[in-house]
Full PDB file with SEQRES, HELIX, SHEET, SSBOND, CRYST1, ORIGX, SCALE, CONECT and MASTER records, all heavy atoms in Angstrom:
SEQRES   1 A   39  VAL TYR ARG ILE LEU PRO ALA ARG ILE GLY GLN ARG ARG          
SEQRES   2 A   39  LEU MET LEU MET MET ALA LEU LEU ALA LEU ALA PHE SER          
SEQRES   3 A   39  SER LEU ALA ASP ASN ILE THR ALA SER LEU ILE MET LEU          
HELIX    1 AA1 GLN A   11  LEU A   28  1                                  18    
HELIX    2 AA2 ASN A   31  MET A   38  1                                   8    
CRYST1    1.000    1.000    1.000  90.00  90.00  90.00 P 1           1          
ORIGX1      1.000000  0.000000  0.000000        0.00000                         
ORIGX2      0.000000  1.000000  0.000000        0.00000                         
ORIGX3      0.000000  0.000000  1.000000        0.00000                         
SCALE1      1.000000  0.000000  0.000000        0.00000                         
SCALE2      0.000000  1.000000  0.000000        0.00000                         
SCALE3      0.000000  0.000000  1.000000        0.00000                         
ATOM      1  N   VAL A   1       4.276  -5.402  -6.393  1.00  0.00           N  
ATOM      2  CA  VAL A   1       2.817  -5.465  -6.396  1.00  0.00           C  
ATOM      3  C   VAL A   1       2.357  -6.858  -6.807  1.00  0.00           C  
ATOM      4  O   VAL A   1       1.452  -7.440  -6.194  1.00  0.00           O  
ATOM      5  CB  VAL A   1       2.230  -4.403  -7.354  1.00  0.00           C  
ATOM      6  CG1 VAL A   1       0.729  -4.565  -7.479  1.00  0.00           C  
ATOM      7  CG2 VAL A   1       2.563  -3.019  -6.852  1.00  0.00           C  
ATOM      8  N   TYR A   2       2.971  -7.409  -7.867  1.00  0.00           N  
ATOM      9  CA  TYR A   2       2.578  -8.732  -8.342  1.00  0.00           C  
ATOM     10  C   TYR A   2       2.777  -9.808  -7.278  1.00  0.00           C  
ATOM     11  O   TYR A   2       2.044 -10.798  -7.227  1.00  0.00           O  
ATOM     12  CB  TYR A   2       3.395  -9.107  -9.585  1.00  0.00           C  
ATOM     13  CG  TYR A   2       3.139  -8.226 -10.787  1.00  0.00           C  
ATOM     14  CD1 TYR A   2       4.074  -8.137 -11.809  1.00  0.00           C  
ATOM     15  CD2 TYR A   2       1.969  -7.483 -10.903  1.00  0.00           C  
ATOM     16  CE1 TYR A   2       3.852  -7.332 -12.921  1.00  0.00           C  
ATOM     17  CE2 TYR A   2       1.741  -6.674 -12.000  1.00  0.00           C  
ATOM     18  CZ  TYR A   2       2.681  -6.595 -12.998  1.00  0.00           C  
ATOM     19  OH  TYR A   2       2.465  -5.794 -14.099  1.00  0.00           O  
ATOM     20  N   ARG A   3       3.782  -9.613  -6.428  1.00  0.00           N  
ATOM     21  CA  ARG A   3       4.065 -10.616  -5.404  1.00  0.00           C  
ATOM     22  C   ARG A   3       3.201 -10.452  -4.161  1.00  0.00           C  
ATOM     23  O   ARG A   3       3.046 -11.393  -3.389  1.00  0.00           O  
ATOM     24  CB  ARG A   3       5.559 -10.572  -5.035  1.00  0.00           C  
ATOM     25  CG  ARG A   3       6.458 -11.204  -6.092  1.00  0.00           C  
ATOM     26  CD  ARG A   3       7.892 -10.759  -5.984  1.00  0.00           C  
ATOM     27  NE  ARG A   3       8.785 -11.518  -6.849  1.00  0.00           N  
ATOM     28  CZ  ARG A   3       8.842 -11.396  -8.161  1.00  0.00           C  
ATOM     29  NH1 ARG A   3       8.067 -10.511  -8.764  1.00  0.00           N  
ATOM     30  NH2 ARG A   3       9.667 -12.139  -8.887  1.00  0.00           N  
ATOM     31  N   ILE A   4       2.661  -9.247  -3.957  1.00  0.00           N  
ATOM     32  CA  ILE A   4       1.815  -9.003  -2.790  1.00  0.00           C  
ATOM     33  C   ILE A   4       0.352  -9.294  -3.096  1.00  0.00           C  
ATOM     34  O   ILE A   4      -0.359  -9.917  -2.303  1.00  0.00           O  
ATOM     35  CB  ILE A   4       1.969  -7.551  -2.306  1.00  0.00           C  
ATOM     36  CG1 ILE A   4       3.378  -7.320  -1.770  1.00  0.00           C  
ATOM     37  CG2 ILE A   4       0.939  -7.222  -1.233  1.00  0.00           C  
ATOM     38  CD1 ILE A   4       3.636  -5.882  -1.352  1.00  0.00           C  
ATOM     39  N   LEU A   5      -0.098  -8.850  -4.267  1.00  0.00           N  
ATOM     40  CA  LEU A   5      -1.514  -8.941  -4.605  1.00  0.00           C  
ATOM     41  C   LEU A   5      -1.806 -10.197  -5.413  1.00  0.00           C  
ATOM     42  O   LEU A   5      -0.998 -10.618  -6.249  1.00  0.00           O  
ATOM     43  CB  LEU A   5      -1.929  -7.713  -5.422  1.00  0.00           C  
ATOM     44  CG  LEU A   5      -1.728  -6.353  -4.739  1.00  0.00           C  
ATOM     45  CD1 LEU A   5      -2.150  -5.234  -5.682  1.00  0.00           C  
ATOM     46  CD2 LEU A   5      -2.505  -6.274  -3.444  1.00  0.00           C  
ATOM     47  N   PRO A   6      -2.979 -10.794  -5.182  1.00  0.00           N  
ATOM     48  CA  PRO A   6      -3.381 -11.937  -6.002  1.00  0.00           C  
ATOM     49  C   PRO A   6      -3.789 -11.478  -7.397  1.00  0.00           C  
ATOM     50  O   PRO A   6      -3.945 -10.279  -7.653  1.00  0.00           O  
ATOM     51  CB  PRO A   6      -4.573 -12.503  -5.231  1.00  0.00           C  
ATOM     52  CG  PRO A   6      -5.130 -11.333  -4.481  1.00  0.00           C  
ATOM     53  CD  PRO A   6      -3.951 -10.477  -4.124  1.00  0.00           C  
ATOM     54  N   ALA A   7      -3.988 -12.448  -8.286  1.00  0.00           N  
ATOM     55  CA  ALA A   7      -4.357 -12.113  -9.666  1.00  0.00           C  
ATOM     56  C   ALA A   7      -5.709 -11.416  -9.720  1.00  0.00           C  
ATOM     57  O   ALA A   7      -5.939 -10.538 -10.549  1.00  0.00           O  
ATOM     58  CB  ALA A   7      -4.362 -13.365 -10.532  1.00  0.00           C  
ATOM     59  N   ARG A   8      -6.610 -11.798  -8.845  1.00  0.00           N  
ATOM     60  CA  ARG A   8      -7.915 -11.144  -8.738  1.00  0.00           C  
ATOM     61  C   ARG A   8      -8.134 -10.754  -7.289  1.00  0.00           C  
ATOM     62  O   ARG A   8      -7.877 -11.544  -6.382  1.00  0.00           O  
ATOM     63  CB  ARG A   8      -9.048 -12.061  -9.206  1.00  0.00           C  
ATOM     64  CG  ARG A   8      -9.004 -12.417 -10.684  1.00  0.00           C  
ATOM     65  CD  ARG A   8     -10.192 -13.278 -11.068  1.00  0.00           C  
ATOM     66  NE  ARG A   8     -11.453 -12.596 -10.860  1.00  0.00           N  
ATOM     67  CZ  ARG A   8     -12.025 -11.782 -11.751  1.00  0.00           C  
ATOM     68  NH1 ARG A   8     -11.422 -11.566 -12.921  1.00  0.00           N  
ATOM     69  NH2 ARG A   8     -13.177 -11.208 -11.505  1.00  0.00           N  
ATOM     70  N   ILE A   9      -8.606  -9.552  -7.074  1.00  0.00           N  
ATOM     71  CA  ILE A   9      -8.823  -9.078  -5.710  1.00  0.00           C  
ATOM     72  C   ILE A   9     -10.010  -8.121  -5.704  1.00  0.00           C  
ATOM     73  O   ILE A   9     -10.190  -7.342  -6.653  1.00  0.00           O  
ATOM     74  CB  ILE A   9      -7.562  -8.365  -5.163  1.00  0.00           C  
ATOM     75  CG1 ILE A   9      -7.765  -7.967  -3.703  1.00  0.00           C  
ATOM     76  CG2 ILE A   9      -7.181  -7.176  -6.014  1.00  0.00           C  
ATOM     77  CD1 ILE A   9      -6.510  -7.416  -3.036  1.00  0.00           C  
ATOM     78  N   GLY A  10     -10.816  -8.211  -4.671  1.00  0.00           N  
ATOM     79  CA  GLY A  10     -11.940  -7.303  -4.549  1.00  0.00           C  
ATOM     80  C   GLY A  10     -11.450  -5.875  -4.346  1.00  0.00           C  
ATOM     81  O   GLY A  10     -10.425  -5.650  -3.705  1.00  0.00           O  
ATOM     82  N   GLN A  11     -12.196  -4.925  -4.908  1.00  0.00           N  
ATOM     83  CA  GLN A  11     -11.763  -3.529  -4.802  1.00  0.00           C  
ATOM     84  C   GLN A  11     -11.696  -3.080  -3.355  1.00  0.00           C  
ATOM     85  O   GLN A  11     -10.789  -2.322  -2.975  1.00  0.00           O  
ATOM     86  CB  GLN A  11     -12.728  -2.621  -5.579  1.00  0.00           C  
ATOM     87  CG  GLN A  11     -12.275  -1.171  -5.652  1.00  0.00           C  
ATOM     88  CD  GLN A  11     -13.162  -0.338  -6.563  1.00  0.00           C  
ATOM     89  OE1 GLN A  11     -13.657  -0.836  -7.562  1.00  0.00           O  
ATOM     90  NE2 GLN A  11     -13.362   0.910  -6.203  1.00  0.00           N  
ATOM     91  N   ARG A  12     -12.618  -3.535  -2.534  1.00  0.00           N  
ATOM     92  CA  ARG A  12     -12.618  -3.142  -1.115  1.00  0.00           C  
ATOM     93  C   ARG A  12     -11.387  -3.676  -0.392  1.00  0.00           C  
ATOM     94  O   ARG A  12     -10.765  -2.971   0.405  1.00  0.00           O  
ATOM     95  CB  ARG A  12     -13.903  -3.639  -0.443  1.00  0.00           C  
ATOM     96  CG  ARG A  12     -15.168  -3.011  -1.005  1.00  0.00           C  
ATOM     97  CD  ARG A  12     -16.398  -3.426  -0.249  1.00  0.00           C  
ATOM     98  NE  ARG A  12     -17.579  -2.720  -0.722  1.00  0.00           N  
ATOM     99  CZ  ARG A  12     -18.770  -2.765  -0.140  1.00  0.00           C  
ATOM    100  NH1 ARG A  12     -18.938  -3.521   0.943  1.00  0.00           N  
ATOM    101  NH2 ARG A  12     -19.794  -2.100  -0.635  1.00  0.00           N  
ATOM    102  N   ARG A  13     -11.067  -4.927  -0.680  1.00  0.00           N  
ATOM    103  CA  ARG A  13      -9.884  -5.513  -0.046  1.00  0.00           C  
ATOM    104  C   ARG A  13      -8.612  -4.815  -0.520  1.00  0.00           C  
ATOM    105  O   ARG A  13      -7.678  -4.593   0.256  1.00  0.00           O  
ATOM    106  CB  ARG A  13      -9.821  -6.997  -0.365  1.00  0.00           C  
ATOM    107  CG  ARG A  13      -8.673  -7.724   0.323  1.00  0.00           C  
ATOM    108  CD  ARG A  13      -8.620  -9.166  -0.112  1.00  0.00           C  
ATOM    109  NE  ARG A  13      -7.394  -9.813   0.330  1.00  0.00           N  
ATOM    110  CZ  ARG A  13      -6.930 -10.946  -0.168  1.00  0.00           C  
ATOM    111  NH1 ARG A  13      -7.574 -11.569  -1.134  1.00  0.00           N  
ATOM    112  NH2 ARG A  13      -5.799 -11.464   0.286  1.00  0.00           N  
ATOM    113  N   LEU A  14      -8.591  -4.443  -1.792  1.00  0.00           N  
ATOM    114  CA  LEU A  14      -7.433  -3.743  -2.323  1.00  0.00           C  
ATOM    115  C   LEU A  14      -7.245  -2.389  -1.652  1.00  0.00           C  
ATOM    116  O   LEU A  14      -6.128  -2.001  -1.299  1.00  0.00           O  
ATOM    117  CB  LEU A  14      -7.580  -3.555  -3.836  1.00  0.00           C  
ATOM    118  CG  LEU A  14      -6.449  -2.810  -4.546  1.00  0.00           C  
ATOM    119  CD1 LEU A  14      -5.126  -3.564  -4.393  1.00  0.00           C  
ATOM    120  CD2 LEU A  14      -6.778  -2.598  -6.022  1.00  0.00           C  
ATOM    121  N   MET A  15      -8.353  -1.667  -1.439  1.00  0.00           N  
ATOM    122  CA  MET A  15      -8.277  -0.364  -0.771  1.00  0.00           C  
ATOM    123  C   MET A  15      -7.759  -0.526   0.653  1.00  0.00           C  
ATOM    124  O   MET A  15      -6.945   0.269   1.126  1.00  0.00           O  
ATOM    125  CB  MET A  15      -9.646   0.318  -0.773  1.00  0.00           C  
ATOM    126  CG  MET A  15     -10.141   0.714  -2.156  1.00  0.00           C  
ATOM    127  SD  MET A  15     -11.752   1.538  -2.142  1.00  0.00           S  
ATOM    128  CE  MET A  15     -11.273   3.156  -1.525  1.00  0.00           C  
ATOM    129  N   LEU A  16      -8.224  -1.565   1.341  1.00  0.00           N  
ATOM    130  CA  LEU A  16      -7.770  -1.807   2.717  1.00  0.00           C  
ATOM    131  C   LEU A  16      -6.283  -2.112   2.746  1.00  0.00           C  
ATOM    132  O   LEU A  16      -5.535  -1.560   3.567  1.00  0.00           O  
ATOM    133  CB  LEU A  16      -8.561  -2.963   3.326  1.00  0.00           C  
ATOM    134  CG  LEU A  16      -8.125  -3.427   4.723  1.00  0.00           C  
ATOM    135  CD1 LEU A  16      -8.268  -2.293   5.731  1.00  0.00           C  
ATOM    136  CD2 LEU A  16      -8.919  -4.648   5.166  1.00  0.00           C  
ATOM    137  N   MET A  17      -5.818  -2.962   1.842  1.00  0.00           N  
ATOM    138  CA  MET A  17      -4.405  -3.326   1.820  1.00  0.00           C  
ATOM    139  C   MET A  17      -3.521  -2.120   1.511  1.00  0.00           C  
ATOM    140  O   MET A  17      -2.483  -1.916   2.143  1.00  0.00           O  
ATOM    141  CB  MET A  17      -4.175  -4.428   0.784  1.00  0.00           C  
ATOM    142  CG  MET A  17      -4.762  -5.780   1.157  1.00  0.00           C  
ATOM    143  SD  MET A  17      -4.409  -7.063  -0.083  1.00  0.00           S  
ATOM    144  CE  MET A  17      -2.634  -7.211   0.098  1.00  0.00           C  
ATOM    145  N   MET A  18      -3.943  -1.306   0.552  1.00  0.00           N  
ATOM    146  CA  MET A  18      -3.158  -0.125   0.199  1.00  0.00           C  
ATOM    147  C   MET A  18      -3.118   0.868   1.358  1.00  0.00           C  
ATOM    148  O   MET A  18      -2.081   1.488   1.631  1.00  0.00           O  
ATOM    149  CB  MET A  18      -3.752   0.538  -1.040  1.00  0.00           C  
ATOM    150  CG  MET A  18      -3.638  -0.292  -2.302  1.00  0.00           C  
ATOM    151  SD  MET A  18      -1.963  -0.339  -2.978  1.00  0.00           S  
ATOM    152  CE  MET A  18      -1.885   1.257  -3.780  1.00  0.00           C  
ATOM    153  N   ALA A  19      -4.245   1.044   2.059  1.00  0.00           N  
ATOM    154  CA  ALA A  19      -4.291   1.975   3.189  1.00  0.00           C  
ATOM    155  C   ALA A  19      -3.364   1.520   4.314  1.00  0.00           C  
ATOM    156  O   ALA A  19      -2.631   2.329   4.908  1.00  0.00           O  
ATOM    157  CB  ALA A  19      -5.725   2.109   3.705  1.00  0.00           C  
ATOM    158  N   LEU A  20      -3.381   0.224   4.613  1.00  0.00           N  
ATOM    159  CA  LEU A  20      -2.529  -0.300   5.685  1.00  0.00           C  
ATOM    160  C   LEU A  20      -1.051  -0.218   5.310  1.00  0.00           C  
ATOM    161  O   LEU A  20      -0.198   0.077   6.153  1.00  0.00           O  
ATOM    162  CB  LEU A  20      -2.919  -1.742   6.001  1.00  0.00           C  
ATOM    163  CG  LEU A  20      -4.317  -1.941   6.601  1.00  0.00           C  
ATOM    164  CD1 LEU A  20      -4.603  -3.416   6.841  1.00  0.00           C  
ATOM    165  CD2 LEU A  20      -4.468  -1.149   7.904  1.00  0.00           C  
ATOM    166  N   LEU A  21      -0.746  -0.472   4.031  1.00  0.00           N  
ATOM    167  CA  LEU A  21       0.635  -0.331   3.578  1.00  0.00           C  
ATOM    168  C   LEU A  21       1.117   1.109   3.716  1.00  0.00           C  
ATOM    169  O   LEU A  21       2.245   1.364   4.158  1.00  0.00           O  
ATOM    170  CB  LEU A  21       0.747  -0.780   2.114  1.00  0.00           C  
ATOM    171  CG  LEU A  21       0.812  -2.285   1.844  1.00  0.00           C  
ATOM    172  CD1 LEU A  21       0.729  -2.553   0.342  1.00  0.00           C  
ATOM    173  CD2 LEU A  21       2.075  -2.894   2.430  1.00  0.00           C  
ATOM    174  N   ALA A  22       0.260   2.058   3.347  1.00  0.00           N  
ATOM    175  CA  ALA A  22       0.622   3.472   3.454  1.00  0.00           C  
ATOM    176  C   ALA A  22       0.843   3.864   4.907  1.00  0.00           C  
ATOM    177  O   ALA A  22       1.790   4.593   5.234  1.00  0.00           O  
ATOM    178  CB  ALA A  22      -0.466   4.340   2.826  1.00  0.00           C  
ATOM    179  N   LEU A  23      -0.035   3.395   5.794  1.00  0.00           N  
ATOM    180  CA  LEU A  23       0.105   3.683   7.224  1.00  0.00           C  
ATOM    181  C   LEU A  23       1.426   3.151   7.766  1.00  0.00           C  
ATOM    182  O   LEU A  23       2.171   3.862   8.441  1.00  0.00           O  
ATOM    183  CB  LEU A  23      -1.055   3.049   7.988  1.00  0.00           C  
ATOM    184  CG  LEU A  23      -2.289   3.897   8.275  1.00  0.00           C  
ATOM    185  CD1 LEU A  23      -3.409   3.015   8.806  1.00  0.00           C  
ATOM    186  CD2 LEU A  23      -1.975   5.000   9.262  1.00  0.00           C  
ATOM    187  N   ALA A  24       1.700   1.891   7.469  1.00  0.00           N  
ATOM    188  CA  ALA A  24       2.897   1.253   8.019  1.00  0.00           C  
ATOM    189  C   ALA A  24       4.169   1.885   7.463  1.00  0.00           C  
ATOM    190  O   ALA A  24       5.106   2.187   8.213  1.00  0.00           O  
ATOM    191  CB  ALA A  24       2.872  -0.243   7.705  1.00  0.00           C  
ATOM    192  N   PHE A  25       4.209   2.111   6.158  1.00  0.00           N  
ATOM    193  CA  PHE A  25       5.435   2.606   5.538  1.00  0.00           C  
ATOM    194  C   PHE A  25       5.743   4.031   5.968  1.00  0.00           C  
ATOM    195  O   PHE A  25       6.895   4.389   6.206  1.00  0.00           O  
ATOM    196  CB  PHE A  25       5.322   2.527   4.016  1.00  0.00           C  
ATOM    197  CG  PHE A  25       6.653   2.650   3.326  1.00  0.00           C  
ATOM    198  CD1 PHE A  25       7.546   1.592   3.321  1.00  0.00           C  
ATOM    199  CD2 PHE A  25       7.026   3.821   2.704  1.00  0.00           C  
ATOM    200  CE1 PHE A  25       8.782   1.707   2.705  1.00  0.00           C  
ATOM    201  CE2 PHE A  25       8.258   3.943   2.081  1.00  0.00           C  
ATOM    202  CZ  PHE A  25       9.131   2.878   2.085  1.00  0.00           C  
ATOM    203  N   SER A  26       4.699   4.874   6.090  1.00  0.00           N  
ATOM    204  CA  SER A  26       4.939   6.266   6.465  1.00  0.00           C  
ATOM    205  C   SER A  26       5.312   6.418   7.927  1.00  0.00           C  
ATOM    206  O   SER A  26       5.847   7.448   8.331  1.00  0.00           O  
ATOM    207  CB  SER A  26       3.696   7.119   6.158  1.00  0.00           C  
ATOM    208  OG  SER A  26       2.584   6.697   6.917  1.00  0.00           O  
ATOM    209  N   SER A  27       5.016   5.404   8.730  1.00  0.00           N  
ATOM    210  CA  SER A  27       5.456   5.440  10.125  1.00  0.00           C  
ATOM    211  C   SER A  27       6.950   5.204  10.233  1.00  0.00           C  
ATOM    212  O   SER A  27       7.610   5.729  11.130  1.00  0.00           O  
ATOM    213  CB  SER A  27       4.709   4.381  10.944  1.00  0.00           C  
ATOM    214  OG  SER A  27       3.332   4.690  11.034  1.00  0.00           O  
ATOM    215  N   LEU A  28       7.478   4.403   9.323  1.00  0.00           N  
ATOM    216  CA  LEU A  28       8.898   4.058   9.369  1.00  0.00           C  
ATOM    217  C   LEU A  28       9.738   5.013   8.538  1.00  0.00           C  
ATOM    218  O   LEU A  28      10.844   5.373   8.926  1.00  0.00           O  
ATOM    219  CB  LEU A  28       9.096   2.622   8.869  1.00  0.00           C  
ATOM    220  CG  LEU A  28       8.398   1.533   9.684  1.00  0.00           C  
ATOM    221  CD1 LEU A  28       8.574   0.189   9.017  1.00  0.00           C  
ATOM    222  CD2 LEU A  28       8.930   1.501  11.111  1.00  0.00           C  
ATOM    223  N   ALA A  29       9.230   5.406   7.388  1.00  0.00           N  
ATOM    224  CA  ALA A  29       9.941   6.348   6.535  1.00  0.00           C  
ATOM    225  C   ALA A  29       9.260   7.710   6.653  1.00  0.00           C  
ATOM    226  O   ALA A  29       8.249   7.855   7.322  1.00  0.00           O  
ATOM    227  CB  ALA A  29       9.933   5.861   5.090  1.00  0.00           C  
ATOM    228  N   ASP A  30       9.829   8.703   5.998  1.00  0.00           N  
ATOM    229  CA  ASP A  30       9.197  10.018   5.996  1.00  0.00           C  
ATOM    230  C   ASP A  30       8.031  10.023   5.012  1.00  0.00           C  
ATOM    231  O   ASP A  30       7.900   9.148   4.155  1.00  0.00           O  
ATOM    232  CB  ASP A  30      10.223  11.081   5.584  1.00  0.00           C  
ATOM    233  CG  ASP A  30      10.697  10.845   4.169  1.00  0.00           C  
ATOM    234  OD1 ASP A  30      11.556   9.952   3.987  1.00  0.00           O  
ATOM    235  OD2 ASP A  30      10.213  11.517   3.261  1.00  0.00           O  
ATOM    236  N   ASN A  31       7.161  11.037   5.137  1.00  0.00           N  
ATOM    237  CA  ASN A  31       5.970  11.116   4.304  1.00  0.00           C  
ATOM    238  C   ASN A  31       6.291  11.216   2.823  1.00  0.00           C  
ATOM    239  O   ASN A  31       5.541  10.693   1.992  1.00  0.00           O  
ATOM    240  CB  ASN A  31       5.122  12.331   4.727  1.00  0.00           C  
ATOM    241  CG  ASN A  31       4.461  12.135   6.078  1.00  0.00           C  
ATOM    242  OD1 ASN A  31       4.521  11.036   6.643  1.00  0.00           O  
ATOM    243  ND2 ASN A  31       3.838  13.159   6.593  1.00  0.00           N  
ATOM    244  N   ILE A  32       7.367  11.910   2.489  1.00  0.00           N  
ATOM    245  CA  ILE A  32       7.703  12.102   1.080  1.00  0.00           C  
ATOM    246  C   ILE A  32       8.066  10.771   0.434  1.00  0.00           C  
ATOM    247  O   ILE A  32       7.541  10.406  -0.624  1.00  0.00           O  
ATOM    248  CB  ILE A  32       8.860  13.105   0.931  1.00  0.00           C  
ATOM    249  CG1 ILE A  32       8.412  14.488   1.423  1.00  0.00           C  
ATOM    250  CG2 ILE A  32       9.328  13.192  -0.514  1.00  0.00           C  
ATOM    251  CD1 ILE A  32       9.531  15.508   1.496  1.00  0.00           C  
ATOM    252  N   THR A  33       8.954  10.026   1.077  1.00  0.00           N  
ATOM    253  CA  THR A  33       9.357   8.731   0.532  1.00  0.00           C  
ATOM    254  C   THR A  33       8.173   7.778   0.457  1.00  0.00           C  
ATOM    255  O   THR A  33       7.981   7.087  -0.553  1.00  0.00           O  
ATOM    256  CB  THR A  33      10.472   8.109   1.388  1.00  0.00           C  
ATOM    257  OG1 THR A  33      11.552   9.033   1.506  1.00  0.00           O  
ATOM    258  CG2 THR A  33      10.973   6.819   0.771  1.00  0.00           C  
ATOM    259  N   ALA A  34       7.361   7.753   1.524  1.00  0.00           N  
ATOM    260  CA  ALA A  34       6.183   6.874   1.541  1.00  0.00           C  
ATOM    261  C   ALA A  34       5.220   7.240   0.418  1.00  0.00           C  
ATOM    262  O   ALA A  34       4.651   6.360  -0.242  1.00  0.00           O  
ATOM    263  CB  ALA A  34       5.482   6.972   2.891  1.00  0.00           C  
ATOM    264  N   SER A  35       5.023   8.525   0.180  1.00  0.00           N  
ATOM    265  CA  SER A  35       4.111   8.969  -0.880  1.00  0.00           C  
ATOM    266  C   SER A  35       4.618   8.525  -2.243  1.00  0.00           C  
ATOM    267  O   SER A  35       3.848   8.031  -3.075  1.00  0.00           O  
ATOM    268  CB  SER A  35       3.960  10.493  -0.855  1.00  0.00           C  
ATOM    269  OG  SER A  35       3.436  10.929   0.370  1.00  0.00           O  
ATOM    270  N   LEU A  36       5.915   8.713  -2.483  1.00  0.00           N  
ATOM    271  CA  LEU A  36       6.485   8.325  -3.771  1.00  0.00           C  
ATOM    272  C   LEU A  36       6.308   6.835  -4.029  1.00  0.00           C  
ATOM    273  O   LEU A  36       5.927   6.418  -5.127  1.00  0.00           O  
ATOM    274  CB  LEU A  36       7.970   8.694  -3.811  1.00  0.00           C  
ATOM    275  CG  LEU A  36       8.297  10.193  -3.860  1.00  0.00           C  
ATOM    276  CD1 LEU A  36       9.786  10.421  -3.629  1.00  0.00           C  
ATOM    277  CD2 LEU A  36       7.876  10.781  -5.197  1.00  0.00           C  
ATOM    278  N   ILE A  37       6.550   6.023  -3.019  1.00  0.00           N  
ATOM    279  CA  ILE A  37       6.432   4.576  -3.178  1.00  0.00           C  
ATOM    280  C   ILE A  37       4.982   4.168  -3.398  1.00  0.00           C  
ATOM    281  O   ILE A  37       4.654   3.427  -4.330  1.00  0.00           O  
ATOM    282  CB  ILE A  37       6.992   3.851  -1.940  1.00  0.00           C  
ATOM    283  CG1 ILE A  37       8.502   4.082  -1.812  1.00  0.00           C  
ATOM    284  CG2 ILE A  37       6.688   2.353  -2.020  1.00  0.00           C  
ATOM    285  CD1 ILE A  37       9.317   3.502  -2.926  1.00  0.00           C  
ATOM    286  N   MET A  38       4.059   4.669  -2.568  1.00  0.00           N  
ATOM    287  CA  MET A  38       2.658   4.260  -2.653  1.00  0.00           C  
ATOM    288  C   MET A  38       2.003   4.740  -3.941  1.00  0.00           C  
ATOM    289  O   MET A  38       1.191   4.029  -4.541  1.00  0.00           O  
ATOM    290  CB  MET A  38       1.887   4.776  -1.441  1.00  0.00           C  
ATOM    291  CG  MET A  38       2.333   4.199  -0.114  1.00  0.00           C  
ATOM    292  SD  MET A  38       2.424   2.385  -0.091  1.00  0.00           S  
ATOM    293  CE  MET A  38       0.736   1.927  -0.521  1.00  0.00           C  
ATOM    294  N   LEU A  39       2.346   5.929  -4.394  1.00  0.00           N  
ATOM    295  CA  LEU A  39       1.759   6.438  -5.629  1.00  0.00           C  
ATOM    296  C   LEU A  39       2.328   5.711  -6.844  1.00  0.00           C  
ATOM    297  O   LEU A  39       1.631   5.551  -7.855  1.00  0.00           O  
ATOM    298  CB  LEU A  39       1.976   7.946  -5.748  1.00  0.00           C  
ATOM    299  CG  LEU A  39       1.157   8.766  -4.743  1.00  0.00           C  
ATOM    300  CD1 LEU A  39       1.655  10.197  -4.686  1.00  0.00           C  
ATOM    301  CD2 LEU A  39      -0.323   8.734  -5.102  1.00  0.00           C  
TER     302      LEU A  39                                                      
MASTER        0    0    0    2    0    0    0    6  301    1    0    3          
END                                                                             
């Protein structure tokens, strides 16, 4: 997380980044693994 996110980030941008990460990761891995990682 520290390497992906800047020290300060807008909440809206953070929500967008997290949503896109969840979309991409769950497409490649199964939903269970993706959920564990994202949560």
